Protein backbone atom coordinates (compact mmCIF):
# COMPACT_ATOMS: atom_id res chain seq x y z
CA MET A 1 75.17 84.91 98.00
CA ARG A 2 73.20 87.99 99.04
CA ASN A 3 72.68 90.71 96.48
CA ALA A 4 72.26 94.48 96.70
CA LYS A 5 72.54 97.59 94.60
CA SER A 6 72.52 100.13 97.38
CA LEU A 7 75.93 101.76 96.91
CA LEU A 8 74.16 104.23 94.62
CA ARG A 9 71.96 105.25 97.53
CA ILE A 10 74.72 106.05 99.99
CA GLY A 11 75.17 109.45 98.38
CA LEU A 12 71.62 110.28 99.44
CA GLY A 13 72.72 109.91 103.05
CA LEU A 14 70.33 107.05 103.74
CA LEU A 15 72.86 104.32 104.48
CA LEU A 16 75.91 104.16 106.69
CA MET A 17 77.51 101.19 105.01
CA VAL A 18 78.57 100.39 101.49
CA ALA A 19 76.25 97.49 100.72
CA LEU A 20 78.06 95.90 97.84
CA VAL A 21 77.83 92.15 97.96
CA GLY A 22 80.35 89.61 96.71
CA CYS A 23 83.73 89.95 95.08
CA ASN A 24 81.74 89.61 91.87
CA ILE A 25 78.63 91.50 92.77
CA ASP A 26 75.29 90.78 91.17
CA LEU A 27 73.41 94.05 91.30
CA ASN A 28 70.32 92.94 89.40
CA VAL A 29 68.05 92.30 92.38
CA GLU A 30 66.01 95.38 93.17
CA ASN A 31 66.36 96.88 96.62
CA LYS A 32 62.78 97.82 97.49
CA ASN A 33 63.90 99.96 100.43
CA ALA A 34 66.17 102.26 98.39
CA PRO A 35 64.65 105.36 96.76
CA ASP A 36 65.21 105.98 93.08
CA ALA A 37 67.96 108.57 92.60
CA GLU A 38 66.20 110.18 89.66
CA ARG A 39 63.06 110.72 91.72
CA ALA A 40 65.02 112.03 94.70
CA LEU A 41 67.15 114.41 92.61
CA THR A 42 64.36 116.32 90.91
CA THR A 43 65.88 119.79 90.76
CA ALA A 44 69.22 121.37 90.03
CA GLN A 45 69.32 122.53 93.65
CA ASP A 46 68.80 118.95 94.86
CA ILE A 47 71.76 117.77 92.80
CA GLN A 48 73.97 120.64 93.90
CA ASN A 49 73.11 120.08 97.56
CA LEU A 50 74.02 116.42 97.24
CA VAL A 51 77.45 117.07 95.72
CA ALA A 52 78.17 120.10 97.92
CA GLY A 53 78.32 117.94 101.05
CA THR A 54 80.85 115.45 99.73
CA PHE A 55 84.04 117.10 101.00
CA LEU A 56 82.63 116.97 104.52
CA ASN A 57 82.30 113.19 104.08
CA TYR A 58 85.93 112.99 102.95
CA PHE A 59 87.05 115.15 105.86
CA TYR A 60 85.11 113.21 108.47
CA GLY A 61 86.20 109.87 107.03
CA THR A 62 89.85 110.78 107.44
CA HIS A 63 90.13 113.43 110.19
CA TYR A 64 87.92 111.71 112.75
CA TYR A 65 89.78 110.31 115.78
CA ALA A 66 89.93 106.98 113.99
CA PRO A 67 91.90 106.52 111.79
CA SER A 68 93.79 109.81 112.17
CA MET A 69 95.12 109.35 115.71
CA THR A 70 95.74 105.64 115.19
CA LEU A 71 97.87 106.20 112.10
CA SER A 72 99.86 108.91 113.87
CA THR A 73 100.77 106.51 116.69
CA MET A 74 101.51 103.66 114.25
CA ALA A 75 104.10 105.93 112.64
CA ASP A 76 105.46 106.85 116.10
CA GLU A 77 104.65 110.45 115.32
CA GLY A 78 102.20 110.48 118.20
CA SER A 79 102.39 108.33 121.32
CA SER A 80 99.55 106.97 123.41
CA SER A 81 99.01 103.91 125.59
CA TRP A 82 95.27 104.48 125.85
CA GLY A 83 93.10 101.88 124.18
CA ASN A 84 90.83 104.34 122.37
CA PHE A 85 90.77 104.00 118.59
CA SER A 86 93.09 100.98 118.97
CA MET A 87 96.03 103.31 119.52
CA ARG A 88 97.68 101.17 122.20
CA GLU A 89 97.28 97.90 120.34
CA MET A 90 98.52 99.19 116.99
CA SER A 91 101.50 101.13 118.38
CA SER A 92 102.75 98.77 121.08
CA VAL A 93 105.89 96.66 120.75
CA PRO A 94 105.99 94.02 119.49
CA ARG A 95 103.53 95.12 116.83
CA VAL A 96 100.36 93.07 116.44
CA ALA A 97 98.10 92.42 113.47
CA TRP A 98 95.01 94.52 112.96
CA ASN A 99 92.01 92.74 114.52
CA ASN A 100 89.69 92.63 111.54
CA SER A 101 86.74 91.05 113.29
CA ILE A 102 83.11 92.10 113.68
CA THR A 103 83.44 91.21 117.39
CA TYR A 104 86.26 93.71 117.89
CA ASP A 105 85.41 96.74 120.01
CA ALA A 106 83.10 99.02 117.99
CA ASP A 107 85.20 102.08 118.81
CA TYR A 108 88.32 100.32 117.54
CA GLN A 109 86.62 99.05 114.38
CA ARG A 110 86.19 102.64 113.25
CA VAL A 111 89.86 102.73 112.27
CA ASN A 112 89.17 100.95 109.01
CA LEU A 113 85.37 101.22 108.97
CA SER A 114 84.97 105.01 109.03
CA PRO A 115 87.12 105.72 105.94
CA TRP A 116 85.34 102.99 103.98
CA THR A 117 81.90 104.29 104.97
CA TYR A 118 82.40 108.00 104.45
CA LEU A 119 84.75 108.01 101.47
CA TYR A 120 82.50 105.69 99.49
CA ARG A 121 79.57 107.86 100.49
CA ALA A 122 81.44 110.83 99.02
CA ILE A 123 82.21 108.89 95.83
CA SER A 124 78.61 107.74 95.52
CA SER A 125 77.13 111.21 95.99
CA SER A 126 79.52 112.85 93.53
CA SER A 127 78.82 110.09 91.02
CA ASP A 128 75.06 110.52 91.43
CA GLY A 129 75.40 114.21 90.64
CA LEU A 130 77.56 113.61 87.59
CA ARG A 131 75.22 110.88 86.36
CA MET A 132 72.27 113.26 86.42
CA ILE A 133 74.27 115.82 84.43
CA ASP A 134 75.19 113.11 81.91
CA LYS A 135 71.49 112.40 81.53
CA GLY A 136 70.93 116.01 80.45
CA LYS A 137 70.25 117.79 83.72
CA ASP A 138 71.79 121.28 83.72
CA ILE A 139 72.69 122.78 87.08
CA GLU A 140 71.02 126.14 86.53
CA ILE A 141 70.21 127.97 89.74
CA ASP A 142 68.80 131.50 89.89
CA GLY A 143 69.42 131.88 86.19
CA VAL A 144 73.11 130.95 86.37
CA ASP A 145 74.53 127.76 84.88
CA HIS A 146 76.75 126.06 87.48
CA THR A 147 77.11 122.76 85.63
CA ALA A 148 80.86 122.98 85.00
CA ARG A 149 81.51 124.03 88.60
CA LEU A 150 79.64 121.02 89.94
CA GLN A 151 81.36 118.67 87.49
CA ALA A 152 84.82 119.91 88.48
CA PHE A 153 84.08 119.65 92.19
CA ALA A 154 82.56 116.18 91.85
CA LYS A 155 85.63 114.95 89.96
CA PHE A 156 87.84 116.48 92.64
CA ILE A 157 85.96 114.51 95.29
CA GLN A 158 86.12 111.28 93.29
CA GLY A 159 89.85 111.87 92.98
CA ILE A 160 90.80 112.59 96.58
CA ALA A 161 88.51 109.84 97.91
CA HIS A 162 89.82 107.10 95.60
CA GLY A 163 93.39 108.27 96.18
CA TRP A 164 93.12 108.12 99.96
CA LEU A 165 91.37 104.75 99.85
CA GLY A 166 94.22 103.43 97.70
CA CYS A 167 96.83 104.70 100.14
CA PHE A 168 95.04 103.14 103.13
CA TYR A 169 93.43 99.84 102.01
CA ASP A 170 94.95 96.92 100.15
CA GLN A 171 91.94 96.84 97.81
CA GLY A 172 88.56 98.39 97.21
CA PHE A 173 85.92 99.26 94.64
CA VAL A 174 86.54 101.63 91.75
CA MET A 175 83.43 103.66 90.99
CA ASP A 176 82.22 106.64 89.02
CA GLU A 177 79.17 107.98 87.21
CA THR A 178 79.62 105.63 84.25
CA ILE A 179 78.87 102.56 86.32
CA ASP A 180 75.25 101.45 86.19
CA LEU A 181 74.67 99.65 89.46
CA GLU A 182 71.54 98.05 88.04
CA THR A 183 73.58 95.98 85.60
CA THR A 184 77.28 96.18 86.47
CA LYS A 185 79.23 93.64 88.49
CA LEU A 186 82.00 95.17 90.57
CA ASP A 187 85.20 93.45 91.59
CA LEU A 188 87.56 94.42 94.37
CA LYS A 189 90.57 96.10 92.77
CA PRO A 190 94.12 96.45 94.15
CA TYR A 191 95.27 99.68 95.75
CA THR A 192 97.22 100.66 92.65
CA ASP A 193 93.95 100.74 90.68
CA LEU A 194 92.30 102.87 93.35
CA VAL A 195 95.11 105.43 93.23
CA ALA A 196 95.14 105.38 89.42
CA LYS A 197 91.41 106.10 89.43
CA GLY A 198 91.94 108.93 91.88
CA VAL A 199 94.66 110.47 89.74
CA ALA A 200 92.54 110.14 86.59
CA ALA A 201 89.58 111.85 88.27
CA LEU A 202 91.79 114.68 89.51
CA GLN A 203 93.13 115.09 85.97
CA GLU A 204 89.53 115.43 84.77
CA CYS A 205 88.97 118.05 87.47
CA ILE A 206 92.04 119.96 86.22
CA ALA A 207 90.78 119.88 82.62
CA LEU A 208 87.39 121.23 83.69
CA CYS A 209 89.07 123.99 85.70
CA GLU A 210 91.18 124.99 82.71
CA ALA A 211 88.12 125.19 80.45
CA ASN A 212 85.78 127.10 82.76
CA THR A 213 85.54 130.00 85.19
CA PHE A 214 83.79 129.63 88.53
CA THR A 215 84.04 130.10 92.29
CA LEU A 216 83.07 127.44 94.81
CA PRO A 217 80.70 128.46 97.62
CA ALA A 218 82.74 128.77 100.80
CA ASP A 219 80.68 126.14 102.63
CA TRP A 220 81.58 123.33 100.20
CA ILE A 221 85.13 123.19 101.55
CA LYS A 222 84.54 125.08 104.76
CA GLY A 223 85.91 128.61 104.59
CA ASN A 224 87.37 128.30 101.07
CA ALA A 225 85.68 130.15 98.22
CA PHE A 226 88.06 128.58 95.72
CA THR A 227 88.26 129.78 92.14
CA GLN A 228 88.83 127.30 89.36
CA ASP A 229 92.55 128.10 89.52
CA ASP A 230 92.64 127.39 93.27
CA LEU A 231 90.88 124.05 92.79
CA LYS A 232 93.22 123.14 89.94
CA LYS A 233 96.28 123.75 92.13
CA LEU A 234 94.79 121.66 94.88
CA ALA A 235 94.07 118.81 92.46
CA HIS A 236 97.69 118.87 91.25
CA SER A 237 98.84 118.77 94.89
CA TYR A 238 96.81 115.69 95.76
CA ILE A 239 98.06 113.90 92.66
CA ALA A 240 101.63 114.54 93.81
CA ARG A 241 100.82 113.28 97.31
CA TYR A 242 99.10 110.08 96.22
CA LEU A 243 101.67 109.13 93.58
CA ALA A 244 104.32 109.13 96.32
CA ALA A 245 102.28 107.99 99.32
CA GLN A 246 100.80 104.87 97.74
CA ALA A 247 104.13 102.99 97.97
CA ARG A 248 104.10 100.12 100.46
CA THR A 249 107.83 99.41 100.36
CA VAL A 250 111.13 101.14 99.71
CA ALA A 251 111.24 99.47 96.30
CA GLU A 252 107.80 100.79 95.37
CA ARG A 253 108.67 104.32 96.46
CA ASP A 254 111.92 104.10 94.50
CA ALA A 255 109.91 103.07 91.44
CA ALA A 256 107.37 105.90 91.72
CA ASP A 257 107.09 108.32 88.81
CA TRP A 258 109.12 111.06 90.46
CA ALA A 259 109.20 113.26 87.37
CA SER A 260 105.40 113.30 87.40
CA ILE A 261 105.32 113.89 91.16
CA LYS A 262 107.57 116.93 90.80
CA ASN A 263 105.60 118.20 87.80
CA HIS A 264 102.36 118.14 89.76
CA ALA A 265 104.02 119.58 92.87
CA ASP A 266 105.31 122.47 90.79
CA GLN A 267 101.74 123.24 89.72
CA GLY A 268 100.32 122.79 93.19
CA ILE A 269 99.40 125.02 96.10
CA THR A 270 101.72 127.78 97.28
CA ALA A 271 99.83 128.43 100.52
CA ASP A 272 98.63 125.95 103.12
CA PHE A 273 95.29 124.28 102.43
CA LEU A 274 93.26 124.86 105.58
CA VAL A 275 89.73 123.79 106.45
CA TYR A 276 88.00 126.41 108.60
CA CYS A 277 86.22 124.25 111.15
CA ASP A 278 83.23 125.45 113.17
CA GLY A 279 83.16 122.97 116.05
CA ASN A 280 79.78 121.74 114.86
CA TYR A 281 79.75 119.67 111.68
CA TRP A 282 83.28 120.68 110.77
CA TRP A 283 85.99 119.58 113.20
CA SER A 284 89.16 117.49 113.20
CA GLY A 285 89.78 114.75 115.73
CA LEU A 286 93.45 114.69 114.69
CA HIS A 287 93.82 118.31 115.79
CA TYR A 288 91.54 118.01 118.82
CA LEU A 289 92.32 114.96 120.97
CA GLY A 290 95.27 114.26 118.67
CA ILE A 291 97.16 117.15 120.27
CA ALA A 292 95.63 117.00 123.75
CA ASP A 293 98.62 116.05 125.88
CA GLY A 294 96.61 113.73 128.12
CA TRP A 295 95.41 111.77 125.11
CA CYS A 296 98.24 111.74 122.62
CA ARG A 297 101.77 113.07 122.98
CA SER A 298 104.76 113.21 120.64
CA ASP A 299 106.66 109.93 120.52
CA MET A 300 110.31 110.05 121.60
CA LEU A 301 111.20 108.11 118.45
CA HIS A 302 109.88 111.12 116.55
CA VAL A 303 110.95 114.15 118.58
CA GLY A 304 114.18 112.54 119.74
CA THR A 305 115.60 113.03 116.26
CA ALA A 306 116.00 116.72 117.16
CA ASP A 307 118.26 115.98 120.16
CA THR A 308 121.92 117.01 120.02
CA SER A 309 122.89 116.07 123.59
CA GLY A 310 123.30 112.32 123.14
CA ASN A 311 120.16 111.53 125.13
CA PHE A 312 118.41 110.17 122.03
CA ASP A 313 121.35 107.91 121.18
CA ALA A 314 121.29 106.54 124.72
CA TRP A 315 117.54 105.95 124.43
CA LEU A 316 118.00 104.06 121.15
CA ALA A 317 120.65 101.87 122.77
CA THR A 318 118.23 100.91 125.54
CA PRO A 319 116.05 97.78 125.12
CA TRP A 320 112.46 98.66 124.20
CA ALA A 321 110.98 97.52 127.51
CA ASN A 322 113.32 99.83 129.46
CA ARG A 323 112.91 102.97 127.38
CA THR A 324 111.23 105.98 128.93
CA SER A 325 110.99 109.75 128.44
CA PHE A 326 114.07 111.98 128.33
CA TYR A 327 114.97 115.64 127.90
CA ILE A 328 115.73 117.06 124.48
CA GLU A 329 118.44 119.61 123.88
CA THR A 330 118.21 121.09 120.41
CA PRO A 331 118.76 124.36 118.55
CA ASP A 332 115.54 123.76 116.57
CA LEU A 333 113.22 126.62 117.51
CA ARG A 334 110.18 124.40 117.05
CA PHE A 335 111.11 122.55 120.28
CA THR A 336 111.04 123.41 123.94
CA SER A 337 114.66 122.63 124.77
CA GLY A 338 117.34 122.58 127.40
CA ASP A 339 118.12 121.42 130.90
CA SER A 340 119.18 117.81 130.60
CA THR A 341 119.61 117.84 134.39
CA GLY A 342 115.84 117.65 134.69
CA VAL A 343 115.10 120.61 136.96
CA GLY A 344 112.75 122.20 134.45
CA ALA A 345 114.47 125.49 133.59
CA PHE A 346 114.24 125.55 129.82
CA ASP A 347 116.11 128.12 127.78
CA GLN A 348 113.89 127.73 124.71
CA ILE A 349 110.11 127.44 124.39
CA GLY A 350 109.25 125.80 121.11
CA THR A 351 106.68 126.91 118.58
CA ASP A 352 105.52 123.34 117.85
CA TYR A 353 106.68 120.93 120.55
CA TRP A 354 106.04 121.68 124.20
CA TYR A 355 107.14 120.07 127.46
CA LYS A 356 104.83 118.87 130.21
CA TYR A 357 105.38 116.80 133.34
CA PRO A 358 104.16 114.28 134.46
CA VAL A 359 103.59 111.72 131.74
CA PRO A 360 99.89 110.74 131.70
CA PHE A 361 100.29 107.13 130.53
CA ARG A 362 100.22 103.87 132.51
CA PRO A 363 103.66 102.28 133.07
CA ASP A 364 102.26 98.74 132.91
CA ARG A 365 101.41 99.36 129.24
CA GLY A 366 105.00 100.12 128.32
CA THR A 367 107.18 103.01 129.43
CA TYR A 368 108.46 103.28 125.85
CA HIS A 369 105.20 105.18 125.27
CA PHE A 370 106.38 107.78 127.80
CA THR A 371 107.32 111.23 126.58
CA PHE A 372 107.57 114.70 128.10
CA TYR A 373 106.60 116.35 124.80
CA TYR A 374 103.39 117.06 122.96
CA HIS A 375 102.53 118.85 119.73
CA GLY A 376 101.14 122.34 120.20
CA ARG A 377 101.23 123.90 116.74
CA TYR A 378 97.47 123.51 116.31
CA TRP A 379 96.57 124.01 119.94
CA ASP A 380 93.90 126.55 118.98
CA HIS A 381 91.71 123.72 117.69
CA LEU A 382 91.48 122.28 121.17
CA LEU A 383 91.12 125.62 122.94
CA SER A 384 88.42 126.86 120.55
CA GLY A 385 86.29 123.75 120.84
CA ALA A 386 87.34 122.64 117.34
CA ALA A 387 86.34 125.97 115.81
CA SER A 388 89.63 126.91 114.15
CA PRO A 389 91.35 126.27 110.80
CA VAL A 390 93.34 123.05 110.47
CA PRO A 391 95.50 121.80 107.59
CA ASP A 392 94.78 118.91 105.28
CA MET A 393 97.83 119.79 103.21
CA LYS A 394 100.64 122.26 103.74
CA ALA A 395 102.59 123.92 100.96
CA SER A 396 105.74 122.60 102.61
CA GLU A 397 104.60 119.05 101.79
CA LEU A 398 105.20 119.88 98.14
CA ASP A 399 108.60 121.36 99.03
CA MET A 400 109.49 118.03 100.63
CA LEU A 401 108.31 116.07 97.59
CA ARG A 402 110.49 118.28 95.39
CA ALA A 403 113.41 117.73 97.76
CA GLU A 404 112.93 113.98 97.52
CA TYR A 405 112.83 114.22 93.74
CA TRP A 406 116.16 116.09 93.68
CA LEU A 407 117.75 113.63 96.12
CA ARG A 408 116.74 110.79 93.85
CA GLN A 409 118.22 112.70 90.91
CA GLY A 410 121.48 113.18 92.79
CA ASN A 411 121.11 116.96 92.77
CA ALA A 412 122.26 117.92 96.27
CA ALA A 413 122.13 121.69 95.75
CA ASN A 414 118.48 121.75 94.66
CA ALA A 415 117.49 119.30 97.40
CA ALA A 416 119.15 121.51 100.01
CA THR A 417 117.27 124.56 98.72
CA GLU A 418 113.93 122.84 99.31
CA ILE A 419 114.92 121.49 102.74
CA ASN A 420 116.14 124.91 103.90
CA LYS A 421 112.83 126.64 103.20
CA THR A 422 111.44 125.64 106.59
CA ARG A 423 114.62 124.40 108.28
CA THR A 424 116.25 127.84 108.43
CA THR A 425 113.06 129.88 108.92
CA ARG A 426 110.73 128.11 111.33
CA GLY A 427 113.50 125.88 112.65
CA GLY A 428 116.14 128.59 112.93
CA LEU A 429 118.74 125.96 112.03
CA ASP A 430 121.93 126.27 110.02
CA PRO A 431 121.28 125.59 106.34
CA VAL A 432 122.26 122.31 104.76
CA ASP A 433 124.15 122.21 101.50
CA ALA A 434 125.78 119.86 99.05
CA ALA A 435 128.79 119.41 101.34
CA ASP A 436 126.58 117.41 103.72
CA GLY A 437 126.42 114.62 101.16
CA ILE A 438 123.30 113.06 99.72
CA GLY A 439 123.53 109.78 101.62
CA THR A 440 120.90 107.09 100.94
CA VAL A 441 117.19 106.56 101.57
CA ALA A 442 118.19 104.15 104.36
CA ASP A 443 119.62 107.01 106.46
CA LYS A 444 117.56 107.61 109.58
CA PRO A 445 115.93 111.02 110.21
CA ARG A 446 118.23 113.28 112.24
CA ILE A 447 118.62 117.01 112.73
CA THR A 448 122.13 116.84 111.29
CA GLY A 449 123.68 114.34 108.92
CA SER A 450 123.31 113.49 105.25
CA LEU A 451 120.78 115.32 103.10
CA TRP A 452 118.56 112.23 103.16
CA ALA A 453 118.64 112.24 106.96
CA THR A 454 117.91 115.96 107.30
CA PHE A 455 115.26 115.77 104.57
CA LYS A 456 113.36 113.07 106.42
CA TYR A 457 113.81 114.96 109.68
CA GLU A 458 112.39 118.13 108.16
CA SER A 459 109.49 116.24 106.59
CA ASN A 460 108.59 114.55 109.87
CA ILE A 461 108.79 117.69 111.99
CA GLU A 462 107.30 120.25 109.63
CA LEU A 463 104.45 118.01 108.40
CA ASP A 464 103.54 116.61 111.81
CA ARG A 465 99.75 116.14 112.08
CA THR A 466 98.95 117.61 108.68
CA GLY A 467 97.77 115.12 106.05
CA VAL A 468 96.00 112.25 107.83
CA GLY A 469 98.25 109.19 107.78
CA LEU A 470 101.00 111.06 105.95
CA ALA A 471 103.76 110.11 108.41
CA TRP A 472 102.70 106.44 108.26
CA MET A 473 102.57 106.50 104.46
CA ASN A 474 105.94 108.23 104.14
CA ASP A 475 107.63 105.98 106.70
CA ARG A 476 106.53 102.77 105.00
CA GLY A 477 107.93 104.03 101.68
CA TRP A 478 111.21 105.06 103.33
CA GLY A 479 111.48 101.81 105.31
CA ASP A 480 111.19 103.62 108.65
CA LEU A 481 108.17 101.93 110.25
CA VAL A 482 108.78 99.83 113.34
CA GLN A 483 109.09 96.19 112.35
CA ASN A 484 105.78 94.38 111.76
CA THR A 485 103.68 97.55 111.68
CA ALA A 486 100.75 97.02 109.30
CA ILE A 487 101.56 98.66 105.95
CA HIS A 488 97.91 98.85 104.88
CA PHE A 489 94.45 97.86 106.11
CA PRO A 490 92.04 95.20 104.91
CA VAL A 491 88.49 95.67 103.73
CA PRO A 492 86.47 96.11 106.97
CA ALA A 493 85.18 92.93 108.59
CA ARG A 494 81.58 94.10 108.43
CA GLU A 495 81.90 94.67 104.71
CA LEU A 496 83.54 91.28 104.21
CA GLU A 497 80.64 89.67 106.06
CA VAL A 498 78.18 91.32 103.70
CA LEU A 499 80.31 90.26 100.76
CA GLN A 500 80.43 86.71 102.15
CA LEU A 501 84.21 86.75 101.92
CA PRO A 502 86.61 85.39 104.55
CA SER A 503 88.17 87.84 106.96
CA TYR A 504 91.86 88.66 106.54
CA THR A 505 94.29 91.16 107.98
CA PHE A 506 97.79 92.64 107.99
CA GLY A 507 100.69 93.35 110.32
CA GLY A 508 102.11 91.65 113.38
CA GLY A 509 104.60 89.61 111.39
CA GLY A 510 102.07 88.20 108.94
CA PRO A 511 101.25 89.48 105.46
CA GLY A 512 101.46 93.23 105.06
CA SER A 513 104.03 93.75 107.83
CA ALA A 514 106.81 96.33 107.75
CA PRO A 515 110.12 94.49 107.36
CA LYS A 516 113.03 94.33 109.75
CA MET A 517 115.64 96.94 108.98
CA MET A 518 118.60 95.80 106.92
CA PRO A 519 121.64 94.66 108.99
CA HIS A 520 123.92 97.49 107.87
CA ILE A 521 121.56 100.18 109.15
CA PRO A 522 122.38 101.44 112.66
CA ALA A 523 120.02 99.97 115.23
CA ARG A 524 116.91 102.05 115.72
CA TYR A 525 114.19 99.57 116.45
């Protein structure tokens, strides 16, 4: 078995891959090619520079075209029959297993390779910085002590990176500054451990924010000069997201600690968390090609839930192979709507979902990919050359988590209040109330119906293309993924090769596949 200790060095930006070897990893053999962290981090400025770049690693590891666009199409939020980023393969029907092979197309491999590479780089760099502080290095720059600020930010990064890894992979490595890679053997841990580590690190960030006063430089999280209170709210928000999003099944989401989720949501952000991209280092593939109508459109399984004409019901009743695009008639102001006769005279131009003819996809790859609609809410990112603000979390995500909490508590009135915040404002729709009935988590998303149905509708529409993979994570916990969609991803094949472990995968009817819907649920898939 090959040995390495180079995960420590990734934070220095010298490696692209996490070079941990073996499920039980012997890290006692010296890597002569890796520089010593203590020699490289000689000054407080060196340490700060290292940690300051970690959010960019998190952002790139999630918002790049892969996995962001792939996950959107797997959730049938976006639709694309192009092969790029494995979108066609992972969103076609019948669903196939993820090809976790080192011989798979390099562009496609990025789906589960990029998050592993960049999020562990972020964890490694933040841990290096914290380790130097633990060894007595104060972060004093220009006569000002910034130690607490750096500690809080590093814990924030450890938290969001571990949390996202736990929501995406079936297993991974749990790391922090207390692990001595010269002597410690690391084991692959299940996703629940990854999320638990992320939550614990975010709790440490919150404690540091409560005990100190500081402001982050605006280039650490591009465009956001967050105070300690701002960072604390953001940490609470990510805890709420990950505690809910980690669920792989309906049963796991049912069993989530919803009281804790609501508690953290209540202490979370009250304004959208935006990253102010510059089109250079900072940009979002999800909001660039992910909204370009020739690349990725809005799936009819997603936008059709807004239809009130009966066209969506007819589409659902059609066999998959014969499905194609149709016109939506809806009072929801977020949609271009009207004219089911197909002559193109629309009486409503939506704020979020726009119409365009013709469909750019190839019919031989499945007309069920066809759709006249694409998502335009973040169109500025494409028009500006990726130099515009994009969301990683919206305040309305926390509204939806609170709504789900109240639905699970059987409190229809409070759930309706949360749902109506965006439904009646941005959507211009009639409010829902307790008279609509709570329904059950099995209810399918629809513009009208039970509170569960309208809640899921509002979540899907309002949070479209916000948190990377959010629709996929929510749908698997609600039981709304198309049958045999992969519910999580394996450790990347290249990493398994280094670890000398056999390759494995998920989806396509094998392990880790979304189940067939229960017989009593109206046919959707």
